[in-house]
Amino acid sequence: AGLQLLTMLETKIYMGRLLEFYTQSAADTMRGIYGMTQTIFNMPCAFITPITISIIPAITAHLAMKNNRGVRMVEGSAMRITGLIAMPCAVGLFCLGEPIMLLLRSYSGEKLELAGLLMALLGITGIFNSVILVTNAMMQAHGHAVVPVVNMFIAGVMRLVAVYILTGNPNIGIVGTPMGA
């Protein structure tokens, strides 16, 4: 619920800021391009979610048996697998942002350039997003379920401030939204 609220606020903020410099039609086009890039950006996270689901009971079982070595082994393996998935995905999205968007959507000209730039920026954040997903699961397994929620709230507020500042600059515009991530 918190993530949905933050996403809704983020959209309201960047659309309000974009309308200061662009027409409604141009701002809606940018929002659509950003939405499409977010859909592609979320795909690598779909591969990370099964890792997070499977490590919680594994870590909890080792904790119940007071097997700290087993806990470290599961956590280390989860982070390595996450890196093996997230890093190539991030590099691929960063390097191939424009071709991916051209393949999936018939953007051309400035729209394709914007989509490629947004995809490249989101690709970089994919690594961090994946690590956050796995570490949140680890914290839950250790019984610290409140910590990720508090961290998400703090990071969300900081992100909203960054989006407000960056998208308010006409030279940055919608590109400030993934930069704020």
Protein backbone atom coordinates (compact mmCIF):
# COMPACT_ATOMS: atom_id res chain seq x y z
CA ALA A 1 0.00 0.00 0.00
CA GLY A 2 2.86 2.35 0.82
CA LEU A 3 4.55 1.80 -2.54
CA GLN A 4 1.30 2.46 -4.38
CA LEU A 5 0.77 5.67 -2.43
CA LEU A 6 4.33 6.83 -3.13
CA THR A 7 3.94 6.02 -6.84
CA MET A 8 0.68 7.97 -6.98
CA LEU A 9 2.27 10.97 -5.24
CA GLU A 10 5.30 10.76 -7.52
CA THR A 11 3.08 10.84 -10.61
CA LYS A 12 1.14 13.81 -9.27
CA ILE A 13 4.37 15.66 -8.48
CA TYR A 14 6.13 15.10 -11.79
CA MET A 15 3.01 15.79 -13.84
CA GLY A 16 2.45 19.06 -11.96
CA ARG A 17 6.05 20.08 -12.50
CA LEU A 18 6.03 19.10 -16.19
CA LEU A 19 2.89 21.16 -16.80
CA GLU A 20 4.83 24.24 -15.73
CA PHE A 21 6.96 23.96 -18.90
CA TYR A 22 5.08 21.71 -21.32
CA THR A 23 1.60 21.39 -22.74
CA GLN A 24 -0.80 18.80 -21.37
CA SER A 25 -0.31 16.69 -24.51
CA ALA A 26 3.50 16.75 -24.24
CA ALA A 27 3.39 15.95 -20.51
CA ASP A 28 0.97 13.05 -21.12
CA THR A 29 3.27 11.70 -23.84
CA MET A 30 6.25 11.83 -21.47
CA ARG A 31 4.21 10.12 -18.75
CA GLY A 32 3.25 7.36 -21.20
CA ILE A 33 6.85 6.81 -22.26
CA TYR A 34 7.97 6.72 -18.63
CA GLY A 35 5.19 4.26 -17.78
CA MET A 36 6.28 1.95 -20.60
CA THR A 37 9.90 2.05 -19.47
CA GLN A 38 8.82 1.27 -15.90
CA THR A 39 6.98 -1.81 -17.14
CA ILE A 40 10.17 -3.10 -18.79
CA PHE A 41 12.23 -2.08 -15.74
CA ASN A 42 10.05 -4.21 -13.45
CA MET A 43 10.73 -7.39 -15.45
CA PRO A 44 14.08 -8.24 -13.78
CA CYS A 45 12.40 -7.84 -10.40
CA ALA A 46 10.02 -10.63 -11.40
CA PHE A 47 13.04 -12.95 -11.43
CA ILE A 48 14.22 -11.71 -8.02
CA THR A 49 10.88 -12.16 -6.23
CA PRO A 50 11.06 -15.99 -6.21
CA ILE A 51 14.47 -15.72 -4.54
CA THR A 52 13.02 -13.52 -1.82
CA ILE A 53 10.12 -15.88 -1.27
CA SER A 54 12.35 -18.93 -0.98
CA ILE A 55 15.03 -17.51 1.32
CA ILE A 56 12.68 -16.45 4.12
CA PRO A 57 11.81 -20.00 5.25
CA ALA A 58 15.36 -21.22 4.60
CA ILE A 59 16.90 -18.49 6.77
CA THR A 60 14.22 -18.92 9.43
CA ALA A 61 14.90 -22.66 9.60
CA HIS A 62 18.63 -22.07 10.10
CA LEU A 63 17.91 -19.42 12.72
CA ALA A 64 15.62 -21.82 14.60
CA MET A 65 18.41 -24.40 14.65
CA LYS A 66 20.90 -21.68 15.70
CA ASN A 67 22.94 -22.52 12.61
CA ASN A 68 24.60 -19.16 11.89
CA ARG A 69 26.84 -20.69 9.25
CA GLY A 70 23.77 -21.92 7.38
CA VAL A 71 22.17 -18.48 7.64
CA ARG A 72 25.26 -16.84 6.16
CA MET A 73 25.40 -19.47 3.42
CA VAL A 74 21.77 -18.92 2.36
CA GLU A 75 22.12 -15.13 2.50
CA GLY A 76 25.38 -15.19 0.56
CA SER A 77 23.95 -17.49 -2.09
CA ALA A 78 20.85 -15.31 -2.42
CA MET A 79 22.97 -12.20 -2.93
CA ARG A 80 25.19 -13.92 -5.52
CA ILE A 81 22.20 -15.20 -7.49
CA THR A 82 20.63 -11.76 -7.28
CA GLY A 83 23.81 -10.24 -8.67
CA LEU A 84 23.95 -12.84 -11.44
CA ILE A 85 20.43 -11.88 -12.48
CA ALA A 86 20.33 -8.14 -11.76
CA MET A 87 23.67 -7.02 -13.16
CA PRO A 88 23.30 -8.43 -16.69
CA CYS A 89 19.71 -7.15 -16.78
CA ALA A 90 20.87 -3.69 -15.71
CA VAL A 91 23.69 -3.62 -18.26
CA GLY A 92 21.31 -4.84 -20.96
CA LEU A 93 18.72 -2.19 -20.17
CA PHE A 94 21.40 0.48 -19.95
CA CYS A 95 23.12 -0.40 -23.22
CA LEU A 96 20.12 -1.52 -25.23
CA GLY A 97 17.43 0.85 -23.95
CA GLU A 98 16.65 2.39 -27.31
CA PRO A 99 16.63 -0.86 -29.32
CA ILE A 100 14.41 -2.52 -26.70
CA MET A 101 11.95 0.36 -26.81
CA LEU A 102 12.04 0.40 -30.61
CA LEU A 103 11.29 -3.32 -30.67
CA LEU A 104 8.43 -3.16 -28.15
CA ARG A 105 6.98 0.17 -29.10
CA SER A 106 7.14 2.03 -32.40
CA TYR A 107 8.70 5.18 -30.98
CA SER A 108 10.81 7.31 -33.26
CA GLY A 109 12.83 10.50 -33.10
CA GLU A 110 12.74 12.40 -29.82
CA LYS A 111 10.34 9.92 -28.24
CA LEU A 112 12.73 7.05 -28.89
CA GLU A 113 15.67 9.04 -27.52
CA LEU A 114 13.69 9.88 -24.37
CA ALA A 115 12.57 6.26 -23.95
CA GLY A 116 16.16 5.05 -24.36
CA LEU A 117 17.48 7.54 -21.83
CA LEU A 118 14.77 6.69 -19.30
CA MET A 119 15.42 2.98 -19.83
CA ALA A 120 19.16 3.45 -19.32
CA LEU A 121 18.63 5.32 -16.05
CA LEU A 122 16.10 2.79 -14.81
CA GLY A 123 18.45 -0.03 -15.79
CA ILE A 124 21.09 1.30 -13.42
CA THR A 125 18.59 1.48 -10.56
CA GLY A 126 17.58 -2.12 -11.23
CA ILE A 127 20.65 -3.41 -9.42
CA PHE A 128 19.82 -1.44 -6.30
CA ASN A 129 16.14 -2.36 -6.47
CA SER A 130 17.02 -6.06 -6.64
CA VAL A 131 19.38 -5.82 -3.67
CA ILE A 132 16.70 -4.02 -1.68
CA LEU A 133 14.18 -6.77 -2.40
CA VAL A 134 16.55 -9.50 -1.20
CA THR A 135 17.80 -7.63 1.88
CA ASN A 136 14.20 -6.83 2.88
CA ALA A 137 13.44 -10.56 2.76
CA MET A 138 16.51 -11.25 4.89
CA MET A 139 15.39 -8.70 7.46
CA GLN A 140 11.94 -10.28 7.55
CA ALA A 141 13.47 -13.70 8.15
CA HIS A 142 15.43 -12.27 11.06
CA GLY A 143 12.20 -10.86 12.55
CA HIS A 144 12.80 -7.24 11.58
CA ALA A 145 9.69 -6.73 9.43
CA VAL A 146 9.21 -3.11 10.50
CA VAL A 147 12.68 -1.94 9.43
CA PRO A 148 12.06 -2.30 5.66
CA VAL A 149 8.78 -0.42 5.97
CA VAL A 150 10.41 2.47 7.82
CA ASN A 151 13.29 2.51 5.34
CA MET A 152 10.84 2.51 2.42
CA PHE A 153 8.96 5.45 3.91
CA ILE A 154 12.15 7.48 4.46
CA ALA A 155 13.50 6.65 0.99
CA GLY A 156 10.09 7.40 -0.54
CA VAL A 157 9.98 10.87 0.98
CA MET A 158 13.53 11.54 -0.20
CA ARG A 159 12.59 10.30 -3.66
CA LEU A 160 9.55 12.60 -3.81
CA VAL A 161 11.72 15.58 -2.88
CA ALA A 162 14.30 14.62 -5.53
CA VAL A 163 11.60 14.17 -8.18
CA TYR A 164 10.09 17.54 -7.28
CA ILE A 165 13.43 19.31 -7.58
CA LEU A 166 14.72 17.52 -10.68
CA THR A 167 11.53 17.55 -12.75
CA GLY A 168 11.11 21.23 -11.97
CA ASN A 169 14.20 21.97 -14.04
CA PRO A 170 13.13 22.37 -17.69
CA ASN A 171 16.52 21.05 -18.84
CA ILE A 172 15.92 17.78 -16.97
CA GLY A 173 12.13 17.34 -17.06
CA ILE A 174 10.79 13.78 -16.92
CA VAL A 175 14.36 12.42 -16.88
CA GLY A 176 14.51 13.62 -13.27
CA THR A 177 11.98 10.99 -12.25
CA PRO A 178 14.24 7.94 -12.65
CA MET A 179 17.18 10.05 -11.48
CA GLY A 180 15.31 10.55 -8.22
CA ALA A 181 15.03 6.81 -7.79
